[in-house]
N, C-alpha and C. Protein backbone atom coordinates (compact mmCIF):
# COMPACT_ATOMS: atom_id res chain seq x y z
N UNK A 1 250.50 22.03 281.82
CA UNK A 1 249.22 22.86 280.28
C UNK A 1 248.70 22.56 280.25
N UNK A 2 248.50 20.83 279.48
CA UNK A 2 247.22 20.90 279.12
C UNK A 2 245.93 20.51 280.35
N UNK A 3 246.78 20.15 281.59
CA UNK A 3 245.33 20.42 282.68
C UNK A 3 244.70 21.49 283.00
N UNK A 4 245.88 22.41 282.42
CA UNK A 4 245.00 23.83 282.56
C UNK A 4 243.50 24.13 281.74
N UNK A 5 244.17 23.34 280.83
CA UNK A 5 243.55 23.85 279.50
C UNK A 5 241.85 23.16 279.96
N UNK A 6 242.68 21.72 280.04
CA UNK A 6 241.25 20.93 280.00
C UNK A 6 240.19 21.43 281.69
N UNK A 7 241.45 21.61 282.25
CA UNK A 7 240.58 22.75 283.22
C UNK A 7 238.89 23.62 283.33
N UNK A 8 240.25 24.59 282.68
CA UNK A 8 238.94 26.14 282.13
C UNK A 8 237.88 25.40 280.63
N UNK A 9 238.26 24.59 279.47
CA UNK A 9 237.28 23.85 279.02
C UNK A 9 236.35 23.09 279.73
N UNK A 10 236.46 22.40 281.18
CA UNK A 10 235.55 21.96 281.49
C UNK A 10 234.58 22.79 282.45
N UNK A 11 235.33 24.07 281.98
CA UNK A 11 234.21 25.62 283.76
C UNK A 11 233.46 25.93 282.79
N UNK A 12 234.29 25.85 281.55
CA UNK A 12 233.10 26.68 280.27
C UNK A 12 232.19 26.06 279.37
N UNK A 13 232.49 24.51 280.06
CA UNK A 13 231.55 23.75 279.32
C UNK A 13 230.60 23.12 280.53
N UNK A 14 230.73 23.05 281.68
CA UNK A 14 230.43 23.55 282.96
C UNK A 14 228.98 24.10 282.79
N UNK A 15 229.30 25.51 282.80
CA UNK A 15 228.60 26.86 282.51
C UNK A 15 227.56 27.10 281.91
N UNK A 16 227.86 26.99 280.59
CA UNK A 16 227.13 26.58 279.32
C UNK A 16 225.55 25.56 279.50
N UNK A 17 226.09 24.97 280.45
CA UNK A 17 225.68 22.58 280.45
C UNK A 17 224.07 24.01 280.54
N UNK A 18 223.48 24.57 281.32
CA UNK A 18 221.86 24.74 281.62
C UNK A 18 221.45 25.92 280.89
N UNK A 19 222.53 26.18 279.90
CA UNK A 19 221.80 27.17 279.00
C UNK A 19 220.39 27.22 278.06
N UNK A 20 219.22 28.22 278.49
CA UNK A 20 218.07 27.50 277.14
C UNK A 20 218.26 28.77 276.26
N UNK A 21 219.43 28.68 275.39
CA UNK A 21 219.10 28.96 274.10
C UNK A 21 221.25 29.78 274.06
N UNK A 22 220.82 29.91 272.75
CA UNK A 22 222.12 29.31 272.08
C UNK A 22 223.40 30.29 272.75
N UNK A 23 222.26 32.34 273.29
CA UNK A 23 222.75 32.92 273.61
C UNK A 23 223.16 33.41 274.95
N UNK A 24 223.15 32.00 275.50
CA UNK A 24 222.48 31.95 276.85
C UNK A 24 223.86 31.45 277.14
N UNK A 25 224.36 30.32 276.18
CA UNK A 25 225.64 29.10 276.15
C UNK A 25 226.55 30.26 275.54
N UNK A 26 226.29 31.31 274.98
CA UNK A 26 227.46 32.07 274.63
C UNK A 26 228.01 33.12 275.92
N UNK A 27 226.92 33.48 276.72
CA UNK A 27 226.94 33.96 278.11
C UNK A 27 228.27 33.57 279.07
N UNK A 28 227.36 32.64 279.08
CA UNK A 28 228.24 31.31 279.87
C UNK A 28 229.39 31.25 279.66
N UNK A 29 229.87 31.13 278.74
CA UNK A 29 231.07 30.80 278.10
C UNK A 29 232.44 31.18 278.36
N UNK A 30 231.78 33.02 277.86
CA UNK A 30 232.64 34.03 278.02
C UNK A 30 232.89 34.26 279.27
N UNK A 31 232.01 34.10 280.06
CA UNK A 31 231.87 34.90 281.53
C UNK A 31 232.61 33.93 281.88
N UNK A 32 232.50 32.43 281.85
CA UNK A 32 233.44 31.42 282.89
C UNK A 32 235.02 32.01 282.59
N UNK A 33 235.25 31.63 281.43
CA UNK A 33 236.56 32.28 281.02
C UNK A 33 237.07 33.59 281.38
N UNK A 34 236.10 34.75 281.52
CA UNK A 34 237.00 35.88 282.03
C UNK A 34 237.32 35.87 283.19
N UNK A 35 236.27 34.98 283.86
CA UNK A 35 236.40 35.30 285.59
C UNK A 35 237.42 34.02 285.98
N UNK A 36 237.60 33.31 285.08
CA UNK A 36 238.40 32.45 285.44
C UNK A 36 240.17 32.93 285.73
N UNK A 37 240.26 33.42 284.22
CA UNK A 37 240.93 34.37 284.04
C UNK A 37 241.28 35.59 284.98
N UNK A 38 240.76 35.75 284.87
CA UNK A 38 240.90 36.65 286.59
C UNK A 38 241.25 36.25 287.55
N UNK A 39 240.59 35.30 288.47
CA UNK A 39 240.36 34.40 289.82
C UNK A 39 241.34 33.79 290.00
N UNK A 40 242.42 33.18 288.62
CA UNK A 40 243.67 32.67 288.41
C UNK A 40 244.57 33.23 287.30
N UNK A 41 245.73 34.29 288.32
CA UNK A 41 245.99 34.64 287.53
C UNK A 41 247.37 34.47 286.69
N UNK A 42 247.59 33.56 287.57
CA UNK A 42 249.12 33.01 287.55
C UNK A 42 248.60 31.80 286.35
N UNK A 43 247.57 30.79 287.15
CA UNK A 43 247.39 29.77 285.74
C UNK A 43 247.11 30.55 283.68
N UNK A 44 246.88 31.68 284.26
CA UNK A 44 245.80 32.51 282.97
C UNK A 44 246.83 32.70 282.23
N UNK A 45 248.19 33.28 283.20
CA UNK A 45 249.21 33.60 282.54
C UNK A 45 250.46 32.50 282.01
N UNK A 46 250.11 31.74 282.43
CA UNK A 46 250.81 30.78 282.04
C UNK A 46 250.85 30.07 281.01
N UNK A 47 249.28 30.16 280.45
CA UNK A 47 248.35 29.42 279.46
C UNK A 47 248.41 30.72 278.07
N UNK A 48 248.26 31.82 278.46
CA UNK A 48 248.31 32.73 277.90
C UNK A 48 249.46 34.23 277.70
N UNK A 49 249.94 34.02 278.20
CA UNK A 49 250.59 34.90 278.94
C UNK A 49 251.77 35.77 278.02
N UNK A 50 252.26 34.57 277.58
CA UNK A 50 253.77 34.70 277.17
C UNK A 50 254.14 33.63 276.41
N UNK A 51 255.39 34.19 275.98
CA UNK A 51 256.07 32.35 275.25
C UNK A 51 257.00 31.87 276.90
N UNK A 52 256.95 30.61 275.84
CA UNK A 52 258.26 29.92 277.83
C UNK A 52 259.09 28.71 276.33
N UNK A 53 260.05 28.91 277.17
CA UNK A 53 261.13 27.99 276.13
C UNK A 53 260.67 26.55 275.39
N UNK A 54 260.54 26.54 274.18
CA UNK A 54 260.12 25.17 273.67
C UNK A 54 260.00 23.80 274.13
N UNK A 55 261.60 23.85 275.03
CA UNK A 55 262.04 22.81 274.92
C UNK A 55 261.12 22.77 277.06
N UNK A 56 260.11 23.79 277.34
CA UNK A 56 259.64 23.57 278.86
C UNK A 56 258.63 22.56 278.11
N UNK A 57 258.06 23.67 277.02
CA UNK A 57 257.20 22.92 276.51
C UNK A 57 256.29 22.43 275.27
N UNK A 58 255.69 21.21 275.89
CA UNK A 58 255.78 20.44 274.51
C UNK A 58 254.83 21.02 273.30
N UNK A 59 255.47 21.35 271.88
CA UNK A 59 254.18 21.25 271.15
C UNK A 59 253.05 21.20 271.03
N UNK A 60 252.44 20.01 272.01
CA UNK A 60 251.18 19.67 272.11
C UNK A 60 250.43 19.82 272.90
N UNK A 61 251.00 20.52 273.46
CA UNK A 61 250.39 21.12 274.84
C UNK A 61 249.65 22.68 274.42
N UNK A 62 249.53 23.11 273.66
CA UNK A 62 249.04 24.47 273.26
C UNK A 62 247.56 24.10 272.44
N UNK A 63 247.42 22.84 271.74
CA UNK A 63 246.60 21.78 271.30
C UNK A 63 245.07 21.90 271.85
N UNK A 64 245.47 22.05 273.30
CA UNK A 64 244.41 21.64 274.22
C UNK A 64 243.54 23.52 274.22
N UNK A 65 244.21 23.92 273.85
CA UNK A 65 243.53 25.81 273.92
C UNK A 65 242.73 25.62 272.45
N UNK A 66 243.28 24.90 271.81
CA UNK A 66 242.49 24.84 269.98
C UNK A 66 240.58 24.75 270.78
N UNK A 67 240.07 23.99 271.60
CA UNK A 67 239.52 23.77 271.85
C UNK A 67 238.41 24.80 272.60
N UNK A 68 239.07 25.50 273.55
CA UNK A 68 238.64 26.30 274.09
C UNK A 68 238.13 27.41 272.82
N UNK A 69 239.55 27.71 271.81
CA UNK A 69 238.33 29.00 270.92
C UNK A 69 237.39 27.68 270.22
N UNK A 70 237.08 27.06 269.53
CA UNK A 70 236.15 26.60 268.65
C UNK A 70 234.79 26.06 269.66
N UNK A 71 235.00 25.95 270.65
CA UNK A 71 233.62 26.59 271.80
C UNK A 71 233.14 27.84 271.60
N UNK A 72 234.59 28.74 271.92
CA UNK A 72 233.57 29.91 271.47
C UNK A 72 233.23 29.88 270.38
N UNK A 73 233.53 29.63 269.10
CA UNK A 73 233.55 29.86 267.73
C UNK A 73 232.21 29.06 267.49
N UNK A 74 231.61 28.08 267.69
CA UNK A 74 230.50 27.03 267.60
C UNK A 74 229.05 28.23 268.22
N UNK A 75 230.00 28.54 269.17
CA UNK A 75 228.66 29.71 270.44
C UNK A 75 228.24 30.36 270.10
N UNK A 76 229.32 31.44 269.57
CA UNK A 76 228.79 33.23 268.71
C UNK A 76 228.02 32.71 267.70
N UNK A 77 228.89 31.18 267.00
CA UNK A 77 227.70 31.53 265.56
C UNK A 77 226.37 30.87 265.87
N UNK A 78 226.17 30.51 266.87
CA UNK A 78 225.08 29.47 266.84
C UNK A 78 224.43 30.60 267.75
N UNK A 79 225.05 31.61 268.37
CA UNK A 79 223.93 32.96 269.00
C UNK A 79 223.78 34.07 267.95
N UNK A 80 224.23 34.20 267.08
CA UNK A 80 224.34 35.31 266.07
C UNK A 80 222.97 35.34 265.39
N UNK A 81 222.36 36.33 264.62
CA UNK A 81 221.03 36.64 264.41
C UNK A 81 221.69 36.99 263.14
N UNK A 82 220.49 37.47 262.02
CA UNK A 82 220.38 38.09 260.84
C UNK A 82 221.67 37.65 259.65
N UNK A 83 222.30 39.20 259.36
CA UNK A 83 223.14 38.88 258.56
C UNK A 83 224.51 37.72 259.16
N UNK A 84 224.56 38.08 260.27
CA UNK A 84 226.42 37.43 260.47
C UNK A 84 225.77 35.99 261.17
N UNK A 85 224.21 35.19 260.94
CA UNK A 85 223.76 34.39 260.99
C UNK A 85 224.08 33.23 259.85
N UNK A 86 224.16 34.03 258.42
CA UNK A 86 224.24 33.82 256.86
C UNK A 86 225.78 33.74 256.65
N UNK A 87 226.73 34.26 257.98
CA UNK A 87 228.02 34.53 257.27
C UNK A 87 228.74 32.67 256.82
N UNK A 88 229.89 32.86 255.83
CA UNK A 88 230.38 31.44 255.20
C UNK A 88 230.95 31.04 256.87
N UNK A 89 231.57 29.74 256.68
CA UNK A 89 232.32 29.77 258.08
C UNK A 89 233.66 29.81 258.23
N UNK A 90 234.35 30.61 257.16
CA UNK A 90 235.43 31.43 257.61
C UNK A 90 234.79 32.39 258.42
N UNK A 91 234.31 33.75 258.03
CA UNK A 91 233.79 34.69 258.49
C UNK A 91 233.46 34.39 260.02
N UNK A 92 232.25 33.19 259.80
CA UNK A 92 231.96 33.02 261.29
C UNK A 92 233.72 32.22 262.44
N UNK A 93 233.98 31.32 261.32
CA UNK A 93 235.73 31.81 262.76
C UNK A 93 236.28 32.46 263.41
N UNK A 94 236.72 33.75 261.97
CA UNK A 94 236.80 35.32 262.14
C UNK A 94 235.80 35.71 263.33
N UNK A 95 234.89 35.00 263.09
CA UNK A 95 234.52 36.41 264.53
C UNK A 95 234.49 36.14 265.68
N UNK A 96 234.47 34.72 265.77
CA UNK A 96 234.81 33.86 266.78
C UNK A 96 236.16 34.06 267.47
N UNK A 97 237.45 34.25 266.92
CA UNK A 97 238.89 34.98 266.64
C UNK A 97 238.58 36.58 267.09
N UNK A 98 238.13 36.82 267.05
CA UNK A 98 237.41 38.16 267.43
C UNK A 98 237.57 38.23 268.27
N UNK A 99 236.70 37.77 269.12
CA UNK A 99 235.24 37.68 270.59
C UNK A 99 236.41 36.69 271.33
N UNK A 100 237.67 35.66 270.59
CA UNK A 100 238.98 35.52 271.33
C UNK A 100 239.74 36.05 271.87
N UNK A 101 239.92 37.08 270.91
CA UNK A 101 240.80 38.10 271.04
C UNK A 101 240.61 38.94 272.10
N UNK A 102 239.13 39.32 272.32
CA UNK A 102 238.67 40.61 272.33
C UNK A 102 238.31 40.31 274.68
N UNK A 103 237.67 38.57 274.54
CA UNK A 103 238.35 38.56 276.12
C UNK A 103 239.21 38.40 276.66
N UNK A 104 240.71 37.87 275.52
CA UNK A 104 242.36 37.69 276.04
C UNK A 104 242.30 39.09 276.16
N UNK A 105 241.93 40.17 275.51
CA UNK A 105 242.67 41.20 276.42
C UNK A 105 242.11 42.30 277.19
N UNK A 106 240.67 41.46 277.41
CA UNK A 106 240.04 41.76 278.40
C UNK A 106 240.63 41.35 280.16
N UNK A 107 240.77 40.45 279.73
CA UNK A 107 241.60 39.81 280.95
C UNK A 107 242.76 40.17 281.05
N UNK A 108 244.02 39.94 280.09
CA UNK A 108 245.44 40.42 280.41
C UNK A 108 245.29 41.87 281.29
N UNK A 109 245.07 42.99 280.49
CA UNK A 109 244.76 44.21 280.48
C UNK A 109 243.79 44.53 282.11
N UNK A 110 243.00 43.83 283.00
CA UNK A 110 241.98 43.54 283.31
C UNK A 110 243.39 43.19 284.95
N UNK A 111 243.90 42.74 284.41
CA UNK A 111 245.27 41.95 285.16
C UNK A 111 246.00 42.56 285.56
N UNK A 112 246.73 42.96 284.75
CA UNK A 112 248.04 43.80 284.94
C UNK A 112 247.82 45.37 285.05
N UNK A 113 246.87 46.27 284.54
CA UNK A 113 246.26 47.05 285.14
C UNK A 113 245.59 47.52 286.18
N UNK A 114 245.65 47.21 287.37
CA UNK A 114 244.90 47.26 288.35
C UNK A 114 244.53 48.29 289.13
N UNK A 115 245.19 49.53 288.46
CA UNK A 115 245.46 51.34 288.43
C UNK A 115 244.42 51.68 288.30
N UNK A 116 244.29 50.65 287.05
CA UNK A 116 242.75 51.79 286.60
C UNK A 116 241.61 51.20 287.25
N UNK A 117 240.68 52.66 287.09
CA UNK A 117 239.23 53.04 287.30
C UNK A 117 238.18 52.44 286.66
N UNK A 118 238.55 51.18 286.58
CA UNK A 118 237.35 49.88 285.93
C UNK A 118 235.93 49.86 286.34
N UNK A 119 235.81 49.36 284.64
CA UNK A 119 233.65 49.57 285.44
C UNK A 119 233.65 48.26 285.81
N UNK A 120 232.44 47.27 286.27
CA UNK A 120 232.45 46.24 286.81
C UNK A 120 232.77 45.83 286.11
N UNK A 121 233.70 44.25 286.38
CA UNK A 121 233.68 42.96 284.80
C UNK A 121 232.56 42.85 284.40
N UNK A 122 231.27 42.21 285.24
CA UNK A 122 230.08 42.28 284.07
C UNK A 122 230.01 42.94 283.54
N UNK A 123 229.66 44.33 283.81
CA UNK A 123 229.35 45.15 282.29
C UNK A 123 230.47 45.34 281.53
N UNK A 124 232.01 45.22 281.96
CA UNK A 124 232.51 44.73 280.20
C UNK A 124 232.30 44.31 279.50
N UNK A 125 232.36 42.14 280.06
CA UNK A 125 231.88 41.43 279.65
C UNK A 125 229.90 41.80 278.77
N UNK A 126 229.81 41.90 279.44
CA UNK A 126 228.05 42.61 278.68
C UNK A 126 228.62 42.71 277.44
N UNK A 127 229.37 44.16 277.49
CA UNK A 127 229.37 45.37 276.32
C UNK A 127 230.21 44.64 275.43
N UNK A 128 231.22 43.60 275.93
CA UNK A 128 231.67 43.14 274.58
C UNK A 128 230.60 41.68 274.16
N UNK A 129 230.38 41.25 274.29
CA UNK A 129 229.19 39.92 273.97
C UNK A 129 228.08 40.70 273.28
N UNK A 130 228.06 42.02 273.07
CA UNK A 130 227.27 42.80 272.89
C UNK A 130 227.19 43.13 271.48
N UNK A 131 228.66 44.48 271.89
CA UNK A 131 229.59 44.32 270.58
C UNK A 131 229.75 42.82 269.12
N UNK A 132 229.86 42.26 269.58
CA UNK A 132 230.19 40.52 269.04
C UNK A 132 229.12 40.14 268.55
N UNK A 133 227.29 40.14 268.96
CA UNK A 133 226.48 39.53 268.88
C UNK A 133 225.28 40.74 268.21
N UNK A 134 226.28 41.94 268.72
CA UNK A 134 224.88 42.71 267.63
C UNK A 134 223.43 42.63 268.08
N UNK A 135 223.30 41.63 269.48
CA UNK A 135 222.69 41.57 270.68
C UNK A 135 222.73 42.75 271.34
N UNK A 136 220.93 43.67 272.47
CA UNK A 136 221.73 44.11 272.69
C UNK A 136 221.82 44.01 273.99
N UNK A 137 222.41 45.18 275.37
CA UNK A 137 223.43 45.01 276.52
C UNK A 137 222.36 44.19 277.12
N UNK A 138 221.41 44.61 277.28
CA UNK A 138 220.30 44.53 278.20
C UNK A 138 219.42 42.95 278.35
N UNK A 139 220.07 42.22 276.89
CA UNK A 139 219.50 40.72 276.41
C UNK A 139 220.32 40.15 277.14
N UNK A 140 222.05 40.72 277.14
CA UNK A 140 222.89 39.69 277.83
C UNK A 140 222.83 39.79 279.07
N UNK A 141 222.99 40.62 279.67
CA UNK A 141 223.20 41.37 281.13
C UNK A 141 222.65 40.52 281.95
N UNK A 142 221.05 39.69 281.35
CA UNK A 142 220.01 39.14 282.52
C UNK A 142 220.51 37.29 282.77
N UNK A 143 221.49 37.64 281.45
CA UNK A 143 221.94 36.15 281.23
C UNK A 143 223.27 34.97 282.16
N UNK A 144 223.65 36.43 282.26
CA UNK A 144 225.03 36.39 283.62
C UNK A 144 224.36 35.51 284.42
N UNK A 145 225.71 35.12 285.05
CA UNK A 145 225.72 33.81 285.40
C UNK A 145 225.93 34.67 286.60
N UNK A 146 225.98 34.77 288.02
CA UNK A 146 225.35 35.44 289.30
C UNK A 146 226.65 34.88 290.56
N UNK A 147 226.84 35.63 290.83
CA UNK A 147 228.26 35.17 292.00
C UNK A 147 229.26 34.39 291.80
N UNK A 148 230.06 34.54 290.58
CA UNK A 148 231.44 34.53 289.82
C UNK A 148 232.52 34.45 290.73
N UNK A 149 232.41 35.62 291.67
CA UNK A 149 233.18 35.89 292.43
C UNK A 149 235.36 36.22 292.30
N UNK A 150 234.98 37.21 290.84
CA UNK A 150 236.57 37.68 290.71
C UNK A 150 236.82 38.96 290.93
N UNK A 151 237.90 38.37 292.22
CA UNK A 151 237.79 39.92 292.73
C UNK A 151 238.94 41.28 292.03
N UNK A 152 239.18 40.78 290.49
CA UNK A 152 239.47 41.84 289.78
C UNK A 152 241.21 42.36 290.40
N UNK A 153 241.66 43.32 289.33
CA UNK A 153 242.75 44.08 289.71
C UNK A 153 243.16 44.11 291.32
N UNK A 154 244.05 44.23 292.02
CA UNK A 154 244.13 44.90 293.38
C UNK A 154 243.11 44.94 294.05
N UNK A 155 242.58 43.40 294.41
CA UNK A 155 241.55 42.48 295.45
C UNK A 155 240.17 43.63 295.39
N UNK A 156 240.03 44.30 293.76
CA UNK A 156 238.78 45.13 293.31
C UNK A 156 237.67 44.28 293.25
N UNK A 157 236.45 44.70 294.09
CA UNK A 157 235.17 43.81 293.31
C UNK A 157 234.56 43.93 292.11
N UNK A 158 235.13 43.62 290.92
CA UNK A 158 235.00 44.47 289.61
C UNK A 158 234.66 45.91 289.32
N UNK A 159 235.67 46.42 290.20
CA UNK A 159 235.54 48.19 289.95
C UNK A 159 236.76 48.81 289.66
């Protein structure tokens, strides 16, 4: 499990590396997380999709996942503006946790309910980040990495 957490963390860090702004960093990290979760459904389900018997998973295995959450919390805090920027650290953590929860929900539902006529995945990512940052969707959409390649449910191309 630790290897998969590290793989996802590395992918998110690499996606954010060329970011020219805190918002671009956040968009890159979130898009990398969602696309990895859709493209690697089995690995995603192993990491986030349910309970595993304690004797099969060492207690420290999920600790690596805390780094992923921490990166999203820090990235969201850096990308926020106005009143949201002046939040206390615990409020910033809660805001990041809510974004993380929304990303997880998007991936889980997108993977598990392929019969739903989903809008394009990148549009969902854009709207989700817009909702959590208060930034216009158009500002976020232009920052999305191109060519992520998520196939989506049942082989759909983000539809």
